[in-house]
C-alpha cells in the first residue's frame, strides 16, 4: 500500500484533500479553513504504523524520532494517544479544556455526539496537587464529561482512572 504524503511547513502537518478524506474517515485529521491537517500525535501514530511519510519543507523525510524531537512531544502523552486509538476510541484535542484530549465513545464520530471524557496524562513519578485534580474535575463536570487520569508507568503502560462528580 502506498504511504500518504504529509508536508510539514511552519509547524503544520498538511496533506491534500483526497488523502485527508481517506484518513478522516478513520477519525484522523481536521480541516482548518481550506487546509487539511493532522496534529502531531496523529502524525506520530501514523508514522509509527507506516501509513504516512512526513516531508520537511526541504523535501527530507522526517522519521518518528525527528518529529518527537522537533515538536518537543511528551512521549507519555503520545503513549496515551496511541493506546486510546488502538483501543478503538476517537481522540481529539482537549486544548480548549486545559487537557490533552477529549475522547469519544467507541464508534462515535465527532459531531454525532459530544465527547465522553477529558483526558490528562500523568507520569507515575510526578506528583500532582489535589487542587489541580479538582480543577480538571470541575471543567469536566461543567462540560458534562467525565475526567480520565491516564497514568503511564515505568513499563510505558497506561492505566486509566475515571473521575466524576456525584450529587448526594
Foldseek 3Di string as FASTA:
>chain_A
DDAAEWEDDPQWTFHDPVVLVVVVVLQAWDQDPNTTTGHLLVVLLCLVVVRHWYAYPVGDTAHSVNSCVVVVDDVLLSLVVNVCVVVQWRWDQPVVLVAGTFIADHPDHPPNDGGAEGEHEDEPPDDDDPVVVVSSQVSQVVVVHWYWYWYQYPVRDTDIDIHHDDDD
